[in-house]
Amino acid sequence: MSDTANASSCGFRENRLLSSWQAGNATLNGWLAIPDPCSAEAMAHAGWDSLTLDMQHGLIGYQRAVEMLIAISTTPTVPLVRVPWLDEGSWCSYFGVFQHQH
């Protein structure tokens, strides 16, 4: 079973980045440093393949990141998070939030 089929059977939506890369296609990623769900949603509706929330160098805190992830999830855009530091507790909390949105 492919990763994509496996994910959809578990209730996750398709990872369009992974599917595109497996097909040999290029993807386009946007970068979010402004802590605003409205700008995240506008960028997501602009047609980016993925958007990265920059929590390492940007001003995005945990609560705003959650709101931004929810806003992005209204579109097929794949959200990515650049966590503040390489700490399991940090990145696991973001994965958990995103996982429960779908």
C-alpha atoms as a PDB file:
ATOM      1  CA  MET A   1       0.000   0.000   0.000  1.00  0.00           C
ATOM      2  CA  SER A   2       1.378   3.442  -0.892  1.00  0.00           C
ATOM      3  CA  ASP A   3       1.976   6.135   1.723  1.00  0.00           C
ATOM      4  CA  THR A   4      -0.821   8.207   0.175  1.00  0.00           C
ATOM      5  CA  ALA A   5      -3.372   5.358   0.250  1.00  0.00           C
ATOM      6  CA  ASN A   6      -2.300   4.464   3.780  1.00  0.00           C
ATOM      7  CA  ALA A   7      -2.767   8.045   4.980  1.00  0.00           C
ATOM      8  CA  SER A   8      -6.234   8.418   3.458  1.00  0.00           C
ATOM      9  CA  SER A   9      -7.417   5.149   5.016  1.00  0.00           C
ATOM     10  CA  CYS A  10      -6.402   6.543   8.427  1.00  0.00           C
ATOM     11  CA  GLY A  11      -8.451   9.722   7.972  1.00  0.00           C
ATOM     12  CA  PHE A  12      -5.585  11.979   6.884  1.00  0.00           C
ATOM     13  CA  ARG A  13      -5.784  13.950   3.699  1.00  0.00           C
ATOM     14  CA  GLU A  14      -3.342  13.270   0.895  1.00  0.00           C
ATOM     15  CA  ASN A  15       0.136  14.771   1.311  1.00  0.00           C
ATOM     16  CA  ARG A  16       0.271  16.647  -1.994  1.00  0.00           C
ATOM     17  CA  LEU A  17       3.958  17.439  -1.544  1.00  0.00           C
ATOM     18  CA  LEU A  18       4.891  13.794  -1.218  1.00  0.00           C
ATOM     19  CA  SER A  19       2.666  12.820  -4.142  1.00  0.00           C
ATOM     20  CA  SER A  20       4.179  15.533  -6.364  1.00  0.00           C
ATOM     21  CA  TRP A  21       7.732  14.590  -5.437  1.00  0.00           C
ATOM     22  CA  GLN A  22       7.046  10.892  -6.031  1.00  0.00           C
ATOM     23  CA  ALA A  23       5.746  11.815  -9.499  1.00  0.00           C
ATOM     24  CA  GLY A  24       8.940  13.780 -10.170  1.00  0.00           C
ATOM     25  CA  ASN A  25       7.225  17.178 -10.103  1.00  0.00           C
ATOM     26  CA  ALA A  26       8.507  20.406  -8.590  1.00  0.00           C
ATOM     27  CA  THR A  27       6.549  22.179  -5.858  1.00  0.00           C
ATOM     28  CA  LEU A  28       6.384  25.790  -4.709  1.00  0.00           C
ATOM     29  CA  ASN A  29       6.597  26.731  -1.015  1.00  0.00           C
ATOM     30  CA  GLY A  30       5.635  30.050   0.555  1.00  0.00           C
ATOM     31  CA  TRP A  31       7.045  31.403   3.817  1.00  0.00           C
ATOM     32  CA  LEU A  32       4.992  32.832   6.701  1.00  0.00           C
ATOM     33  CA  ALA A  33       6.632  34.988   9.376  1.00  0.00           C
ATOM     34  CA  ILE A  34       3.718  37.318  10.169  1.00  0.00           C
ATOM     35  CA  PRO A  35       1.631  35.851  13.023  1.00  0.00           C
ATOM     36  CA  ASP A  36      -1.753  36.323  11.370  1.00  0.00           C
ATOM     37  CA  PRO A  37      -4.287  33.604  10.468  1.00  0.00           C
ATOM     38  CA  CYS A  38      -5.898  35.862   7.839  1.00  0.00           C
ATOM     39  CA  SER A  39      -2.635  36.276   5.936  1.00  0.00           C
ATOM     40  CA  ALA A  40      -1.980  32.528   6.254  1.00  0.00           C
ATOM     41  CA  GLU A  41      -5.394  31.751   4.795  1.00  0.00           C
ATOM     42  CA  ALA A  42      -4.942  34.304   1.998  1.00  0.00           C
ATOM     43  CA  MET A  43      -1.554  32.789   1.116  1.00  0.00           C
ATOM     44  CA  ALA A  44      -3.061  29.289   1.202  1.00  0.00           C
ATOM     45  CA  HIS A  45      -5.797  30.355  -1.219  1.00  0.00           C
ATOM     46  CA  ALA A  46      -3.156  31.892  -3.531  1.00  0.00           C
ATOM     47  CA  GLY A  47      -2.204  28.453  -4.845  1.00  0.00           C
ATOM     48  CA  TRP A  48       1.045  27.589  -3.048  1.00  0.00           C
ATOM     49  CA  ASP A  49       1.766  23.864  -2.829  1.00  0.00           C
ATOM     50  CA  SER A  50       2.947  24.340   0.756  1.00  0.00           C
ATOM     51  CA  LEU A  51       3.406  27.098   3.325  1.00  0.00           C
ATOM     52  CA  THR A  52       6.018  27.119   6.073  1.00  0.00           C
ATOM     53  CA  LEU A  53       5.297  28.804   9.402  1.00  0.00           C
ATOM     54  CA  ASP A  54       8.650  30.187  10.559  1.00  0.00           C
ATOM     55  CA  MET A  55       8.610  29.882  14.334  1.00  0.00           C
ATOM     56  CA  GLN A  56      12.385  29.820  14.600  1.00  0.00           C
ATOM     57  CA  HIS A  57      13.089  33.303  13.278  1.00  0.00           C
ATOM     58  CA  GLY A  58       9.610  34.773  12.987  1.00  0.00           C
ATOM     59  CA  LEU A  59       7.252  36.184  15.600  1.00  0.00           C
ATOM     60  CA  ILE A  60       4.788  33.286  15.520  1.00  0.00           C
ATOM     61  CA  GLY A  61       3.936  31.822  18.928  1.00  0.00           C
ATOM     62  CA  TYR A  62       2.169  28.550  19.689  1.00  0.00           C
ATOM     63  CA  GLN A  63      -1.405  29.921  19.851  1.00  0.00           C
ATOM     64  CA  ARG A  64      -1.038  31.864  16.610  1.00  0.00           C
ATOM     65  CA  ALA A  65       0.544  28.833  14.926  1.00  0.00           C
ATOM     66  CA  VAL A  66      -2.507  26.746  15.841  1.00  0.00           C
ATOM     67  CA  GLU A  67      -4.819  29.393  14.391  1.00  0.00           C
ATOM     68  CA  MET A  68      -2.684  29.617  11.234  1.00  0.00           C
ATOM     69  CA  LEU A  69      -2.656  25.832  10.786  1.00  0.00           C
ATOM     70  CA  ILE A  70      -6.442  25.783  11.053  1.00  0.00           C
ATOM     71  CA  ALA A  71      -6.706  28.582   8.475  1.00  0.00           C
ATOM     72  CA  ILE A  72      -4.397  26.765   6.049  1.00  0.00           C
ATOM     73  CA  SER A  73      -6.336  23.521   6.514  1.00  0.00           C
ATOM     74  CA  THR A  74      -9.316  25.093   4.696  1.00  0.00           C
ATOM     75  CA  THR A  75      -7.313  24.639   1.465  1.00  0.00           C
ATOM     76  CA  PRO A  76      -5.331  21.844  -0.218  1.00  0.00           C
ATOM     77  CA  THR A  77      -2.074  23.670   0.655  1.00  0.00           C
ATOM     78  CA  VAL A  78       0.269  21.549   2.783  1.00  0.00           C
ATOM     79  CA  PRO A  79       1.321  23.305   6.010  1.00  0.00           C
ATOM     80  CA  LEU A  80       4.884  22.958   7.301  1.00  0.00           C
ATOM     81  CA  VAL A  81       6.264  24.282  10.583  1.00  0.00           C
ATOM     82  CA  ARG A  82       9.841  25.363  11.232  1.00  0.00           C
ATOM     83  CA  VAL A  83       9.891  24.763  14.986  1.00  0.00           C
ATOM     84  CA  PRO A  84      11.672  27.175  17.365  1.00  0.00           C
ATOM     85  CA  TRP A  85      14.301  24.619  18.366  1.00  0.00           C
ATOM     86  CA  LEU A  86      15.036  20.947  17.907  1.00  0.00           C
ATOM     87  CA  ASP A  87      13.136  19.727  20.929  1.00  0.00           C
ATOM     88  CA  GLU A  88      10.799  16.737  20.786  1.00  0.00           C
ATOM     89  CA  GLY A  89       8.244  18.410  23.045  1.00  0.00           C
ATOM     90  CA  SER A  90       8.157  21.439  20.765  1.00  0.00           C
ATOM     91  CA  TRP A  91       7.618  19.735  17.442  1.00  0.00           C
ATOM     92  CA  CYS A  92       5.375  16.977  18.801  1.00  0.00           C
ATOM     93  CA  SER A  93       2.889  19.548  20.083  1.00  0.00           C
ATOM     94  CA  TYR A  94       2.524  21.039  16.580  1.00  0.00           C
ATOM     95  CA  PHE A  95       2.151  17.639  14.957  1.00  0.00           C
ATOM     96  CA  GLY A  96      -0.528  16.749  17.489  1.00  0.00           C
ATOM     97  CA  VAL A  97      -2.501  19.922  16.788  1.00  0.00           C
ATOM     98  CA  PHE A  98      -2.376  19.384  13.052  1.00  0.00           C
ATOM     99  CA  GLN A  99      -3.174  15.688  13.356  1.00  0.00           C
ATOM    100  CA  HIS A 100      -6.383  16.403  15.270  1.00  0.00           C
ATOM    101  CA  GLN A 101      -7.614  18.978  12.739  1.00  0.00           C
ATOM    102  CA  HIS A 102      -8.317  16.278  10.131  1.00  0.00           C
END
